[in-house]
């Protein structure tokens, strides 16, 4: 049977049966943070509950595509970046406006990042995309201005 995609506003845990190289209950959980600028945003307490409720051997993937435009910019700061149970996925497509560049990054424990580094496409990002992402990171005043405009638009 085909796997179905979780709904846009998900907080799920998927457990897999025991098999070669894995114990029962191992799997990947996904938590969507802010599906669209006007969508669901989970407070820090909810993310902490998801992390604490993970079964052993399970990794929570947190989609932080709208992190820069979220209601609580630092909501996930309470969960340590090097927590072996969590991998945060971010993009330059939303707050930084670089959707055409198809560039993003992950925040996680060094052990998790190095494991993914072994299987990623090492030549999947062009130089123009890399230069754009680096320039965007250096232009924080623009990002703060954009965040102010988004907050104002939400309030009106």
C-alpha atoms as a PDB file:
ATOM      1  CA  UNK A   1       0.000   0.000   0.000  1.00  0.00           C
ATOM      2  CA  UNK A   2       1.108   3.578  -0.631  1.00  0.00           C
ATOM      3  CA  UNK A   3       2.037   5.813   2.271  1.00  0.00           C
ATOM      4  CA  UNK A   4      -0.270   8.792   2.640  1.00  0.00           C
ATOM      5  CA  UNK A   5       0.944  12.277   3.362  1.00  0.00           C
ATOM      6  CA  UNK A   6      -0.009  13.687   6.748  1.00  0.00           C
ATOM      7  CA  UNK A   7      -2.339  16.686   6.786  1.00  0.00           C
ATOM      8  CA  UNK A   8      -0.783  20.152   6.632  1.00  0.00           C
ATOM      9  CA  UNK A   9      -1.269  20.801  10.365  1.00  0.00           C
ATOM     10  CA  UNK A  10       0.171  17.571  11.680  1.00  0.00           C
ATOM     11  CA  UNK A  11       1.719  16.342  14.853  1.00  0.00           C
ATOM     12  CA  UNK A  12       2.210  12.659  14.275  1.00  0.00           C
ATOM     13  CA  UNK A  13       4.245   9.705  15.363  1.00  0.00           C
ATOM     14  CA  UNK A  14       4.799   6.796  13.061  1.00  0.00           C
ATOM     15  CA  UNK A  15       5.989   3.547  14.569  1.00  0.00           C
ATOM     16  CA  UNK A  16       7.460   0.800  12.488  1.00  0.00           C
ATOM     17  CA  UNK A  17       7.531  -2.878  13.417  1.00  0.00           C
ATOM     18  CA  UNK A  18      10.800  -4.448  14.429  1.00  0.00           C
ATOM     19  CA  UNK A  19      12.999  -5.504  11.560  1.00  0.00           C
ATOM     20  CA  UNK A  20      16.623  -5.831  10.517  1.00  0.00           C
ATOM     21  CA  UNK A  21      18.667  -3.126  12.235  1.00  0.00           C
ATOM     22  CA  UNK A  22      15.813  -1.563  14.210  1.00  0.00           C
ATOM     23  CA  UNK A  23      13.879  -2.248  17.344  1.00  0.00           C
ATOM     24  CA  UNK A  24      10.111  -2.182  17.645  1.00  0.00           C
ATOM     25  CA  UNK A  25       8.772   1.352  17.935  1.00  0.00           C
ATOM     26  CA  UNK A  26      11.590   3.047  16.053  1.00  0.00           C
ATOM     27  CA  UNK A  27      10.459   5.500  13.443  1.00  0.00           C
ATOM     28  CA  UNK A  28      10.102   9.089  12.481  1.00  0.00           C
ATOM     29  CA  UNK A  29       7.613  11.596  13.802  1.00  0.00           C
ATOM     30  CA  UNK A  30       6.751  14.813  12.037  1.00  0.00           C
ATOM     31  CA  UNK A  31       5.526  18.069  13.449  1.00  0.00           C
ATOM     32  CA  UNK A  32       4.487  20.871  11.142  1.00  0.00           C
ATOM     33  CA  UNK A  33       5.184  24.340  12.480  1.00  0.00           C
ATOM     34  CA  UNK A  34       3.187  27.097  10.886  1.00  0.00           C
ATOM     35  CA  UNK A  35       1.601  25.787   7.693  1.00  0.00           C
ATOM     36  CA  UNK A  36       1.343  29.073   5.799  1.00  0.00           C
ATOM     37  CA  UNK A  37       1.821  32.409   7.526  1.00  0.00           C
ATOM     38  CA  UNK A  38      -1.774  32.340   8.732  1.00  0.00           C
ATOM     39  CA  UNK A  39      -1.801  28.648   9.695  1.00  0.00           C
ATOM     40  CA  UNK A  40      -1.244  26.694  12.878  1.00  0.00           C
ATOM     41  CA  UNK A  41       1.625  27.585  15.181  1.00  0.00           C
ATOM     42  CA  UNK A  42       2.452  25.268  18.061  1.00  0.00           C
ATOM     43  CA  UNK A  43       3.570  26.949  21.293  1.00  0.00           C
ATOM     44  CA  UNK A  44       6.810  25.880  22.953  1.00  0.00           C
ATOM     45  CA  UNK A  45       4.920  23.743  25.492  1.00  0.00           C
ATOM     46  CA  UNK A  46       3.338  21.637  22.715  1.00  0.00           C
ATOM     47  CA  UNK A  47       6.688  21.007  21.019  1.00  0.00           C
ATOM     48  CA  UNK A  48       8.184  20.029  24.377  1.00  0.00           C
ATOM     49  CA  UNK A  49       5.281  17.601  24.943  1.00  0.00           C
ATOM     50  CA  UNK A  50       5.873  16.006  21.547  1.00  0.00           C
ATOM     51  CA  UNK A  51       9.584  15.610  22.262  1.00  0.00           C
ATOM     52  CA  UNK A  52       9.022  14.140  25.734  1.00  0.00           C
ATOM     53  CA  UNK A  53       6.378  11.744  24.389  1.00  0.00           C
ATOM     54  CA  UNK A  54       8.617  10.223  21.722  1.00  0.00           C
ATOM     55  CA  UNK A  55       9.268   6.522  22.061  1.00  0.00           C
ATOM     56  CA  UNK A  56      12.937   5.481  22.296  1.00  0.00           C
ATOM     57  CA  UNK A  57      14.697   5.506  18.933  1.00  0.00           C
ATOM     58  CA  UNK A  58      12.199   7.874  17.324  1.00  0.00           C
ATOM     59  CA  UNK A  59      13.253  11.132  15.641  1.00  0.00           C
ATOM     60  CA  UNK A  60      10.879  14.107  15.542  1.00  0.00           C
ATOM     61  CA  UNK A  61      11.179  16.136  12.337  1.00  0.00           C
ATOM     62  CA  UNK A  62       9.927  19.669  12.901  1.00  0.00           C
ATOM     63  CA  UNK A  63       9.053  21.590   9.753  1.00  0.00           C
ATOM     64  CA  UNK A  64      10.054  25.172  10.531  1.00  0.00           C
ATOM     65  CA  UNK A  65       9.564  26.546   7.017  1.00  0.00           C
ATOM     66  CA  UNK A  66       7.827  29.637   8.427  1.00  0.00           C
ATOM     67  CA  UNK A  67      10.100  29.958  11.455  1.00  0.00           C
ATOM     68  CA  UNK A  68      11.151  33.507  10.592  1.00  0.00           C
ATOM     69  CA  UNK A  69       7.530  34.613  10.184  1.00  0.00           C
ATOM     70  CA  UNK A  70       6.059  32.768  13.153  1.00  0.00           C
ATOM     71  CA  UNK A  71       4.025  34.183  15.980  1.00  0.00           C
ATOM     72  CA  UNK A  72       6.639  33.209  18.569  1.00  0.00           C
ATOM     73  CA  UNK A  73       9.971  33.485  16.769  1.00  0.00           C
ATOM     74  CA  UNK A  74      11.835  31.558  19.475  1.00  0.00           C
ATOM     75  CA  UNK A  75       9.146  29.001  20.407  1.00  0.00           C
ATOM     76  CA  UNK A  76      11.442  26.040  19.825  1.00  0.00           C
ATOM     77  CA  UNK A  77      14.418  27.567  21.628  1.00  0.00           C
ATOM     78  CA  UNK A  78      13.381  25.556  24.705  1.00  0.00           C
ATOM     79  CA  UNK A  79      14.283  22.309  22.918  1.00  0.00           C
ATOM     80  CA  UNK A  80      18.068  22.047  22.685  1.00  0.00           C
ATOM     81  CA  UNK A  81      19.418  22.109  19.137  1.00  0.00           C
ATOM     82  CA  UNK A  82      21.642  19.141  19.971  1.00  0.00           C
ATOM     83  CA  UNK A  83      18.738  17.010  21.288  1.00  0.00           C
ATOM     84  CA  UNK A  84      19.145  13.610  19.602  1.00  0.00           C
ATOM     85  CA  UNK A  85      15.352  13.239  19.362  1.00  0.00           C
ATOM     86  CA  UNK A  86      14.718  16.329  17.208  1.00  0.00           C
ATOM     87  CA  UNK A  87      15.708  17.510  13.735  1.00  0.00           C
ATOM     88  CA  UNK A  88      14.514  20.952  12.624  1.00  0.00           C
ATOM     89  CA  UNK A  89      14.084  21.651   8.925  1.00  0.00           C
ATOM     90  CA  UNK A  90      14.161  25.232   7.641  1.00  0.00           C
ATOM     91  CA  UNK A  91      14.077  26.914   4.270  1.00  0.00           C
ATOM     92  CA  UNK A  92      15.065  30.192   2.683  1.00  0.00           C
ATOM     93  CA  UNK A  93      11.882  30.046   0.573  1.00  0.00           C
ATOM     94  CA  UNK A  94       9.537  31.876   2.927  1.00  0.00           C
ATOM     95  CA  UNK A  95      10.900  34.623   5.174  1.00  0.00           C
ATOM     96  CA  UNK A  96      13.967  35.160   3.044  1.00  0.00           C
ATOM     97  CA  UNK A  97      12.002  35.073  -0.242  1.00  0.00           C
ATOM     98  CA  UNK A  98      14.320  32.656  -2.048  1.00  0.00           C
ATOM     99  CA  UNK A  99      11.769  30.046  -3.153  1.00  0.00           C
ATOM    100  CA  UNK A 100      13.270  29.722  -6.623  1.00  0.00           C
ATOM    101  CA  UNK A 101      16.667  28.859  -5.161  1.00  0.00           C
ATOM    102  CA  UNK A 102      15.391  25.654  -3.521  1.00  0.00           C
ATOM    103  CA  UNK A 103      17.724  25.960  -0.540  1.00  0.00           C
ATOM    104  CA  UNK A 104      17.268  25.045   3.090  1.00  0.00           C
ATOM    105  CA  UNK A 105      19.039  23.595   6.080  1.00  0.00           C
ATOM    106  CA  UNK A 106      18.637  21.381   9.109  1.00  0.00           C
ATOM    107  CA  UNK A 107      19.385  22.044  12.775  1.00  0.00           C
ATOM    108  CA  UNK A 108      20.191  19.067  14.926  1.00  0.00           C
ATOM    109  CA  UNK A 109      22.692  17.113  16.944  1.00  0.00           C
ATOM    110  CA  UNK A 110      26.041  16.637  15.191  1.00  0.00           C
ATOM    111  CA  UNK A 111      25.486  12.857  15.138  1.00  0.00           C
ATOM    112  CA  UNK A 112      22.159  13.269  13.325  1.00  0.00           C
ATOM    113  CA  UNK A 113      23.501  15.833  10.852  1.00  0.00           C
ATOM    114  CA  UNK A 114      26.545  13.697   9.992  1.00  0.00           C
ATOM    115  CA  UNK A 115      24.293  10.666   9.387  1.00  0.00           C
ATOM    116  CA  UNK A 116      22.179  12.671   6.920  1.00  0.00           C
ATOM    117  CA  UNK A 117      25.334  14.123   5.384  1.00  0.00           C
ATOM    118  CA  UNK A 118      26.279  10.616   4.236  1.00  0.00           C
ATOM    119  CA  UNK A 119      23.159  10.274   2.080  1.00  0.00           C
ATOM    120  CA  UNK A 120      22.458  13.810   0.879  1.00  0.00           C
ATOM    121  CA  UNK A 121      23.053  15.040  -2.666  1.00  0.00           C
ATOM    122  CA  UNK A 122      26.408  16.783  -2.266  1.00  0.00           C
ATOM    123  CA  UNK A 123      26.040  18.764  -5.492  1.00  0.00           C
ATOM    124  CA  UNK A 124      22.350  19.652  -5.211  1.00  0.00           C
ATOM    125  CA  UNK A 125      22.738  23.403  -4.573  1.00  0.00           C
ATOM    126  CA  UNK A 126      24.130  25.816  -7.138  1.00  0.00           C
ATOM    127  CA  UNK A 127      26.497  28.664  -6.402  1.00  0.00           C
ATOM    128  CA  UNK A 128      23.869  31.334  -7.098  1.00  0.00           C
ATOM    129  CA  UNK A 129      21.538  29.761  -4.522  1.00  0.00           C
ATOM    130  CA  UNK A 130      24.358  29.536  -1.993  1.00  0.00           C
ATOM    131  CA  UNK A 131      25.339  33.178  -2.582  1.00  0.00           C
ATOM    132  CA  UNK A 132      21.706  34.274  -2.237  1.00  0.00           C
ATOM    133  CA  UNK A 133      21.264  32.372   1.024  1.00  0.00           C
ATOM    134  CA  UNK A 134      24.459  33.822   2.501  1.00  0.00           C
ATOM    135  CA  UNK A 135      23.436  37.349   1.466  1.00  0.00           C
ATOM    136  CA  UNK A 136      19.982  36.820   2.997  1.00  0.00           C
ATOM    137  CA  UNK A 137      21.503  35.712   6.300  1.00  0.00           C
ATOM    138  CA  UNK A 138      23.613  38.869   6.367  1.00  0.00           C
ATOM    139  CA  UNK A 139      20.602  41.114   5.703  1.00  0.00           C
ATOM    140  CA  UNK A 140      18.846  40.684   9.042  1.00  0.00           C
ATOM    141  CA  UNK A 141      17.416  44.246   9.003  1.00  0.00           C
ATOM    142  CA  UNK A 142      15.346  43.269   5.955  1.00  0.00           C
ATOM    143  CA  UNK A 143      14.083  40.139   7.711  1.00  0.00           C
ATOM    144  CA  UNK A 144      13.117  42.128  10.823  1.00  0.00           C
ATOM    145  CA  UNK A 145      11.307  44.657   8.637  1.00  0.00           C
ATOM    146  CA  UNK A 146       9.418  41.865   6.897  1.00  0.00           C
ATOM    147  CA  UNK A 147       8.481  40.285  10.227  1.00  0.00           C
ATOM    148  CA  UNK A 148       7.073  43.646  11.353  1.00  0.00           C
ATOM    149  CA  UNK A 149       4.982  43.951   8.192  1.00  0.00           C
ATOM    150  CA  UNK A 150       3.643  40.414   8.572  1.00  0.00           C
ATOM    151  CA  UNK A 151       2.756  41.043  12.241  1.00  0.00           C
ATOM    152  CA  UNK A 152       0.985  44.263  11.254  1.00  0.00           C
ATOM    153  CA  UNK A 153      -0.961  42.470   8.505  1.00  0.00           C
ATOM    154  CA  UNK A 154      -2.061  39.777  10.964  1.00  0.00           C
ATOM    155  CA  UNK A 155      -3.258  42.400  13.441  1.00  0.00           C
ATOM    156  CA  UNK A 156      -5.410  44.226  10.885  1.00  0.00           C
END
